[in-house]
Amino acid sequence: TYKHVRCIERTENKQKQDVHMHIDKAYEIIKNNLPSNYVKKVHAKIQDPDLTDGMIRNLKNRVTKYPKTKINVLNALVEVANEYQDDLKNLKDLTQ
């Protein structure tokens, strides 16, 4: 029925908005929190021979339109950023 279709459309739109919100949050985390050797660290987390340095850099810089198909790379970037920030905090704590 029409109501059922509209309900499904609203649910799909809400899910898309949620995904975009999480992607935006991921980019906020990686924006200023990645170490200079982040590409190598992402490769270490993702064992994909088809994944190139350029793909990682483009995704980090939001140059490409494929974050949904490379969500694992975005997740790895967030992990690397969080690990780096934890390491910096640990260093600060150890040197105080």
N, C-alpha and C. Protein backbone atom coordinates (compact mmCIF):
# COMPACT_ATOMS: atom_id res chain seq x y z
N THR A 1 0.83 -1.19 0.00
CA THR A 1 0.00 0.00 0.00
C THR A 1 0.87 1.25 0.00
N TYR A 2 0.23 2.36 -0.26
CA TYR A 2 0.95 3.63 -0.33
C TYR A 2 1.57 3.99 1.02
N LYS A 3 0.81 3.79 2.10
CA LYS A 3 1.34 4.12 3.43
C LYS A 3 2.56 3.27 3.76
N HIS A 4 2.51 2.02 3.37
CA HIS A 4 3.63 1.11 3.64
C HIS A 4 4.88 1.56 2.87
N VAL A 5 4.71 1.96 1.63
CA VAL A 5 5.83 2.43 0.81
C VAL A 5 6.42 3.70 1.41
N ARG A 6 5.58 4.63 1.83
CA ARG A 6 6.05 5.88 2.44
C ARG A 6 6.81 5.60 3.73
N CYS A 7 6.34 4.64 4.51
CA CYS A 7 7.00 4.28 5.76
C CYS A 7 8.39 3.71 5.47
N ILE A 8 8.49 2.86 4.47
CA ILE A 8 9.78 2.29 4.07
C ILE A 8 10.71 3.39 3.59
N GLU A 9 10.20 4.33 2.80
CA GLU A 9 11.01 5.44 2.30
C GLU A 9 11.54 6.29 3.45
N ARG A 10 10.68 6.57 4.43
CA ARG A 10 11.12 7.35 5.59
C ARG A 10 12.20 6.61 6.36
N THR A 11 12.05 5.32 6.53
CA THR A 11 13.04 4.51 7.24
C THR A 11 14.36 4.51 6.49
N GLU A 12 14.31 4.35 5.18
CA GLU A 12 15.54 4.36 4.37
C GLU A 12 16.22 5.72 4.44
N ASN A 13 15.44 6.80 4.37
CA ASN A 13 16.01 8.15 4.46
C ASN A 13 16.67 8.36 5.82
N LYS A 14 16.03 7.89 6.88
CA LYS A 14 16.58 8.03 8.23
C LYS A 14 17.90 7.25 8.33
N GLN A 15 17.95 6.06 7.76
CA GLN A 15 19.17 5.26 7.79
C GLN A 15 20.28 5.95 7.02
N LYS A 16 19.97 6.54 5.88
CA LYS A 16 20.96 7.28 5.10
C LYS A 16 21.49 8.47 5.88
N GLN A 17 20.59 9.18 6.55
CA GLN A 17 21.00 10.33 7.37
C GLN A 17 21.92 9.88 8.50
N ASP A 18 21.59 8.75 9.14
CA ASP A 18 22.42 8.22 10.22
C ASP A 18 23.80 7.87 9.71
N VAL A 19 23.88 7.22 8.55
CA VAL A 19 25.16 6.85 7.97
C VAL A 19 25.98 8.10 7.67
N HIS A 20 25.35 9.09 7.06
CA HIS A 20 26.06 10.33 6.74
C HIS A 20 26.53 11.04 8.00
N MET A 21 25.73 11.00 9.06
CA MET A 21 26.11 11.62 10.32
C MET A 21 27.36 10.93 10.88
N HIS A 22 27.40 9.60 10.82
CA HIS A 22 28.56 8.87 11.33
C HIS A 22 29.79 9.10 10.46
N ILE A 23 29.59 9.21 9.17
CA ILE A 23 30.71 9.51 8.27
C ILE A 23 31.25 10.90 8.58
N ASP A 24 30.37 11.86 8.79
CA ASP A 24 30.81 13.22 9.14
C ASP A 24 31.58 13.22 10.46
N LYS A 25 31.11 12.46 11.44
CA LYS A 25 31.82 12.36 12.72
C LYS A 25 33.19 11.73 12.53
N ALA A 26 33.27 10.72 11.68
CA ALA A 26 34.56 10.07 11.41
C ALA A 26 35.53 11.08 10.82
N TYR A 27 35.07 11.89 9.89
CA TYR A 27 35.95 12.90 9.29
C TYR A 27 36.38 13.96 10.30
N GLU A 28 35.52 14.27 11.26
CA GLU A 28 35.91 15.21 12.31
C GLU A 28 37.04 14.63 13.16
N ILE A 29 36.97 13.33 13.42
CA ILE A 29 38.01 12.68 14.23
C ILE A 29 39.34 12.65 13.48
N ILE A 30 39.30 12.30 12.19
CA ILE A 30 40.56 12.15 11.46
C ILE A 30 41.13 13.48 10.97
N LYS A 31 40.32 14.51 10.99
CA LYS A 31 40.71 15.80 10.41
C LYS A 31 42.07 16.28 10.91
N ASN A 32 42.28 16.32 12.19
CA ASN A 32 43.52 16.86 12.75
C ASN A 32 44.24 15.87 13.66
N ASN A 33 43.87 14.61 13.62
CA ASN A 33 44.38 13.68 14.60
C ASN A 33 45.20 12.53 14.03
N LEU A 34 45.57 12.59 12.77
CA LEU A 34 46.33 11.49 12.18
C LEU A 34 47.84 11.76 12.25
N PRO A 35 48.62 10.70 12.49
CA PRO A 35 50.07 10.86 12.43
C PRO A 35 50.51 10.97 10.98
N SER A 36 51.73 11.41 10.77
CA SER A 36 52.22 11.59 9.40
C SER A 36 52.35 10.27 8.65
N ASN A 37 52.52 9.16 9.36
CA ASN A 37 52.67 7.85 8.71
C ASN A 37 51.35 7.07 8.69
N TYR A 38 50.23 7.78 8.61
CA TYR A 38 48.93 7.13 8.69
C TYR A 38 48.67 6.16 7.54
N VAL A 39 49.21 6.43 6.36
CA VAL A 39 48.96 5.55 5.21
C VAL A 39 49.50 4.15 5.49
N LYS A 40 50.73 4.08 6.00
CA LYS A 40 51.33 2.79 6.31
C LYS A 40 50.54 2.07 7.40
N LYS A 41 50.06 2.82 8.38
CA LYS A 41 49.30 2.22 9.47
C LYS A 41 47.95 1.69 8.99
N VAL A 42 47.32 2.38 8.06
CA VAL A 42 46.06 1.90 7.49
C VAL A 42 46.31 0.62 6.69
N HIS A 43 47.38 0.59 5.91
CA HIS A 43 47.72 -0.62 5.16
C HIS A 43 47.94 -1.80 6.11
N ALA A 44 48.56 -1.54 7.27
CA ALA A 44 48.80 -2.61 8.24
C ALA A 44 47.48 -3.16 8.79
N LYS A 45 46.48 -2.30 8.91
CA LYS A 45 45.19 -2.73 9.42
C LYS A 45 44.34 -3.43 8.36
N ILE A 46 44.52 -3.01 7.12
CA ILE A 46 43.71 -3.57 6.02
C ILE A 46 44.63 -4.27 5.04
N GLN A 47 44.56 -5.55 5.01
CA GLN A 47 45.40 -6.34 4.10
C GLN A 47 44.68 -6.50 2.76
N ASP A 48 44.67 -5.45 1.97
CA ASP A 48 44.00 -5.46 0.66
C ASP A 48 45.00 -5.01 -0.39
N PRO A 49 45.44 -5.93 -1.26
CA PRO A 49 46.43 -5.55 -2.28
C PRO A 49 45.90 -4.52 -3.28
N ASP A 50 44.59 -4.39 -3.40
CA ASP A 50 44.01 -3.43 -4.33
C ASP A 50 43.92 -2.02 -3.74
N LEU A 51 44.15 -1.89 -2.44
CA LEU A 51 44.07 -0.60 -1.77
C LEU A 51 45.39 0.15 -1.98
N THR A 52 45.30 1.31 -2.60
CA THR A 52 46.50 2.09 -2.90
C THR A 52 46.68 3.22 -1.89
N ASP A 53 47.91 3.74 -1.83
CA ASP A 53 48.19 4.89 -0.98
C ASP A 53 47.29 6.07 -1.37
N GLY A 54 47.13 6.25 -2.67
CA GLY A 54 46.30 7.35 -3.17
C GLY A 54 44.85 7.23 -2.74
N MET A 55 44.33 6.01 -2.75
CA MET A 55 42.95 5.80 -2.31
C MET A 55 42.79 6.20 -0.85
N ILE A 56 43.77 5.83 -0.03
CA ILE A 56 43.72 6.17 1.39
C ILE A 56 43.79 7.68 1.56
N ARG A 57 44.73 8.32 0.88
CA ARG A 57 44.86 9.78 0.99
C ARG A 57 43.61 10.49 0.47
N ASN A 58 43.08 10.03 -0.65
CA ASN A 58 41.87 10.66 -1.20
C ASN A 58 40.69 10.51 -0.25
N LEU A 59 40.56 9.35 0.35
CA LEU A 59 39.46 9.14 1.30
C LEU A 59 39.65 10.02 2.53
N LYS A 60 40.88 10.11 3.01
CA LYS A 60 41.19 10.96 4.17
C LYS A 60 40.85 12.42 3.88
N ASN A 61 41.16 12.87 2.69
CA ASN A 61 40.93 14.26 2.30
C ASN A 61 39.54 14.51 1.74
N ARG A 62 38.72 13.48 1.74
CA ARG A 62 37.33 13.55 1.26
C ARG A 62 37.25 14.01 -0.18
N VAL A 63 38.23 13.58 -0.97
CA VAL A 63 38.29 13.95 -2.38
C VAL A 63 37.37 13.05 -3.20
N THR A 64 37.15 11.85 -2.73
CA THR A 64 36.39 10.86 -3.50
C THR A 64 34.96 10.76 -3.02
N LYS A 65 34.16 10.09 -3.81
CA LYS A 65 32.74 9.90 -3.49
C LYS A 65 32.46 8.45 -3.09
N TYR A 66 33.47 7.71 -2.63
CA TYR A 66 33.21 6.30 -2.31
C TYR A 66 33.41 5.93 -0.85
N PRO A 67 33.04 6.78 0.11
CA PRO A 67 33.24 6.36 1.49
C PRO A 67 32.41 5.15 1.89
N LYS A 68 31.23 4.97 1.32
CA LYS A 68 30.41 3.82 1.70
C LYS A 68 31.02 2.51 1.22
N THR A 69 31.65 2.54 0.05
CA THR A 69 32.25 1.31 -0.46
C THR A 69 33.60 1.04 0.19
N LYS A 70 34.18 2.03 0.81
CA LYS A 70 35.46 1.89 1.48
C LYS A 70 35.32 2.23 2.96
N ILE A 71 34.20 1.84 3.55
CA ILE A 71 33.96 2.16 4.95
C ILE A 71 35.02 1.53 5.85
N ASN A 72 35.58 0.40 5.43
CA ASN A 72 36.64 -0.22 6.22
C ASN A 72 37.88 0.67 6.28
N VAL A 73 38.15 1.40 5.22
CA VAL A 73 39.29 2.33 5.21
C VAL A 73 39.00 3.51 6.13
N LEU A 74 37.79 4.01 6.08
CA LEU A 74 37.40 5.12 6.95
C LEU A 74 37.49 4.68 8.42
N ASN A 75 37.03 3.46 8.71
CA ASN A 75 37.14 2.93 10.07
C ASN A 75 38.60 2.82 10.49
N ALA A 76 39.46 2.35 9.60
CA ALA A 76 40.88 2.22 9.91
C ALA A 76 41.51 3.58 10.17
N LEU A 77 41.12 4.58 9.39
CA LEU A 77 41.62 5.94 9.61
C LEU A 77 41.23 6.45 11.00
N VAL A 78 40.00 6.19 11.39
CA VAL A 78 39.54 6.61 12.72
C VAL A 78 40.33 5.86 13.79
N GLU A 79 40.54 4.56 13.60
CA GLU A 79 41.31 3.78 14.57
C GLU A 79 42.73 4.32 14.70
N VAL A 80 43.37 4.61 13.59
CA VAL A 80 44.74 5.15 13.60
C VAL A 80 44.76 6.50 14.31
N ALA A 81 43.79 7.35 14.03
CA ALA A 81 43.72 8.66 14.68
C ALA A 81 43.53 8.52 16.19
N ASN A 82 42.64 7.63 16.59
CA ASN A 82 42.39 7.42 18.02
C ASN A 82 43.62 6.83 18.72
N GLU A 83 44.28 5.88 18.07
CA GLU A 83 45.49 5.28 18.65
C GLU A 83 46.59 6.33 18.80
N TYR A 84 46.73 7.18 17.80
CA TYR A 84 47.75 8.22 17.84
C TYR A 84 47.47 9.21 18.98
N GLN A 85 46.22 9.60 19.13
CA GLN A 85 45.86 10.51 20.22
C GLN A 85 46.09 9.86 21.58
N ASP A 86 45.78 8.56 21.69
CA ASP A 86 46.05 7.84 22.94
C ASP A 86 47.55 7.80 23.24
N ASP A 87 48.35 7.57 22.20
CA ASP A 87 49.81 7.55 22.37
C ASP A 87 50.33 8.92 22.83
N LEU A 88 49.80 9.98 22.23
CA LEU A 88 50.21 11.33 22.63
C LEU A 88 49.83 11.62 24.09
N LYS A 89 48.62 11.20 24.46
CA LYS A 89 48.18 11.41 25.85
C LYS A 89 49.06 10.61 26.80
N ASN A 90 49.38 9.38 26.44
CA ASN A 90 50.24 8.55 27.27
C ASN A 90 51.62 9.19 27.43
N LEU A 91 52.17 9.70 26.35
CA LEU A 91 53.47 10.36 26.40
C LEU A 91 53.41 11.58 27.33
N LYS A 92 52.35 12.34 27.20
CA LYS A 92 52.18 13.52 28.05
C LYS A 92 52.09 13.11 29.52
N ASP A 93 51.32 12.06 29.79
CA ASP A 93 51.19 11.58 31.17
C ASP A 93 52.51 11.08 31.73
N LEU A 94 53.29 10.41 30.89
CA LEU A 94 54.57 9.85 31.34
C LEU A 94 55.64 10.92 31.58
N THR A 95 55.50 12.04 30.91
CA THR A 95 56.53 13.07 31.01
C THR A 95 56.16 14.22 31.94
N GLN A 96 55.10 14.08 32.68
CA GLN A 96 54.71 15.14 33.63
C GLN A 96 55.30 14.85 34.98
